[in-house]
Amino acid sequence: LEACLILEEASLNTATSARHTLALAQARRSRAVGLVTDAVHIHRARFLFQRQFSPRGIRVQPLAVRGLVRHYWRRRRYLGLGKIALREGGAWLKVLGWLALRRP
């Protein structure tokens, strides 16, 4: 299984990760990729990855890993949960703002 995994670590955000991962997938002539990330992040990540991959004929299969919210909640790390919610919400606003400005 390890031979099938691509770990992209050069990016600082999800949009850049999608571009870098696309180059890695194209170099391997992949027709489909699995996108592994936390369930909190999977919807936005899938949206950004599909924007890069779909026009090139590469299918994105989201593979959500559950547990981050439960982990923080059980350990009473409410500030951490708040940061996650704010970060993901802010990232969605950034994506939506970008889309609004790019449309004719």
Protein backbone atom coordinates (compact mmCIF):
# COMPACT_ATOMS: atom_id res chain seq x y z
CA LEU A 1 0.00 0.00 0.00
CA GLU A 2 2.86 2.38 0.76
CA ALA A 3 3.91 2.36 -2.91
CA CYS A 4 0.46 3.78 -3.78
CA LEU A 5 0.62 6.71 -1.36
CA ILE A 6 1.75 10.21 -2.27
CA LEU A 7 2.47 12.51 0.63
CA GLU A 8 2.62 16.14 -0.41
CA GLU A 9 4.34 18.21 2.28
CA ALA A 10 5.62 21.28 0.44
CA SER A 11 2.38 23.31 0.56
CA LEU A 12 1.21 25.75 3.18
CA ASN A 13 -2.48 25.65 2.16
CA THR A 14 -4.99 23.34 0.53
CA ALA A 15 -5.16 25.10 -2.84
CA THR A 16 -1.39 24.88 -3.29
CA SER A 17 -1.46 21.28 -2.12
CA ALA A 18 -3.97 20.49 -4.87
CA ARG A 19 -1.66 22.00 -7.52
CA HIS A 20 1.43 20.20 -6.20
CA THR A 21 -0.41 16.89 -5.85
CA LEU A 22 -1.76 17.22 -9.39
CA ALA A 23 1.80 17.38 -10.72
CA LEU A 24 2.70 14.27 -8.71
CA ALA A 25 -0.38 12.39 -9.96
CA GLN A 26 0.28 13.39 -13.57
CA ALA A 27 3.88 12.22 -13.32
CA ARG A 28 2.53 8.81 -12.25
CA ARG A 29 -0.20 8.91 -14.94
CA SER A 30 -2.88 8.37 -12.32
CA ARG A 31 -6.51 8.35 -13.45
CA ALA A 32 -7.89 8.49 -9.91
CA VAL A 33 -6.58 9.67 -6.55
CA GLY A 34 -7.76 9.27 -2.98
CA LEU A 35 -7.83 12.45 -0.94
CA VAL A 36 -7.20 11.70 2.74
CA THR A 37 -7.88 14.44 5.27
CA ASP A 38 -9.96 15.09 8.37
CA ALA A 39 -13.75 15.04 8.06
CA VAL A 40 -13.87 18.71 9.10
CA HIS A 41 -11.70 19.65 6.13
CA ILE A 42 -12.79 17.09 3.52
CA HIS A 43 -15.53 19.12 1.78
CA ARG A 44 -13.37 22.14 1.04
CA ALA A 45 -10.38 19.97 0.18
CA ARG A 46 -12.49 17.92 -2.24
CA PHE A 47 -13.82 21.09 -3.86
CA LEU A 48 -10.31 22.52 -4.38
CA PHE A 49 -8.81 19.22 -5.56
CA GLN A 50 -11.64 18.53 -8.01
CA ARG A 51 -11.17 21.99 -9.53
CA GLN A 52 -7.58 21.04 -10.35
CA PHE A 53 -8.01 17.35 -11.19
CA SER A 54 -11.37 17.05 -13.01
CA PRO A 55 -10.43 19.16 -16.06
CA ARG A 56 -7.48 16.82 -16.57
CA GLY A 57 -9.58 13.67 -16.39
CA ILE A 58 -8.41 12.58 -12.94
CA ARG A 59 -11.09 11.44 -10.48
CA VAL A 60 -10.83 12.51 -6.83
CA GLN A 61 -12.16 10.11 -4.19
CA PRO A 62 -12.52 11.81 -0.79
CA LEU A 63 -11.49 9.62 2.16
CA ALA A 64 -12.48 11.39 5.35
CA VAL A 65 -10.69 10.51 8.57
CA ARG A 66 -13.01 11.04 11.50
CA GLY A 67 -12.03 11.88 15.03
CA LEU A 68 -10.43 15.30 15.23
CA VAL A 69 -13.48 17.04 16.73
CA ARG A 70 -14.14 14.14 19.11
CA HIS A 71 -10.46 14.13 20.14
CA TYR A 72 -10.53 17.82 21.03
CA TRP A 73 -13.96 17.60 22.70
CA ARG A 74 -13.03 14.66 24.93
CA ARG A 75 -9.87 16.43 26.04
CA ARG A 76 -11.82 19.64 26.71
CA ARG A 77 -9.69 21.56 24.24
CA TYR A 78 -12.46 23.99 23.39
CA LEU A 79 -10.12 26.75 22.32
CA GLY A 80 -8.56 24.35 19.82
CA LEU A 81 -12.02 23.47 18.49
CA GLY A 82 -12.80 27.15 18.11
CA LYS A 83 -9.57 27.70 16.18
CA ILE A 84 -10.40 24.81 13.85
CA ALA A 85 -13.89 26.19 13.21
CA LEU A 86 -12.60 29.72 12.59
CA ARG A 87 -9.79 28.52 10.32
CA GLU A 88 -12.06 26.33 8.21
CA GLY A 89 -14.79 28.98 8.08
CA GLY A 90 -12.29 31.63 7.07
CA ALA A 91 -10.82 29.37 4.41
CA TRP A 92 -14.31 28.82 2.95
CA LEU A 93 -14.85 32.59 2.86
CA LYS A 94 -11.57 32.96 1.01
CA VAL A 95 -12.61 30.34 -1.57
CA LEU A 96 -16.05 31.87 -2.02
CA GLY A 97 -14.58 35.36 -2.34
CA TRP A 98 -12.11 34.14 -4.93
CA LEU A 99 -14.92 32.50 -6.89
CA ALA A 100 -17.05 35.65 -6.76
CA LEU A 101 -14.20 37.80 -8.08
CA ARG A 102 -13.28 35.38 -10.87
CA ARG A 103 -16.77 35.12 -12.36
CA PRO A 104 -17.62 37.40 -15.32
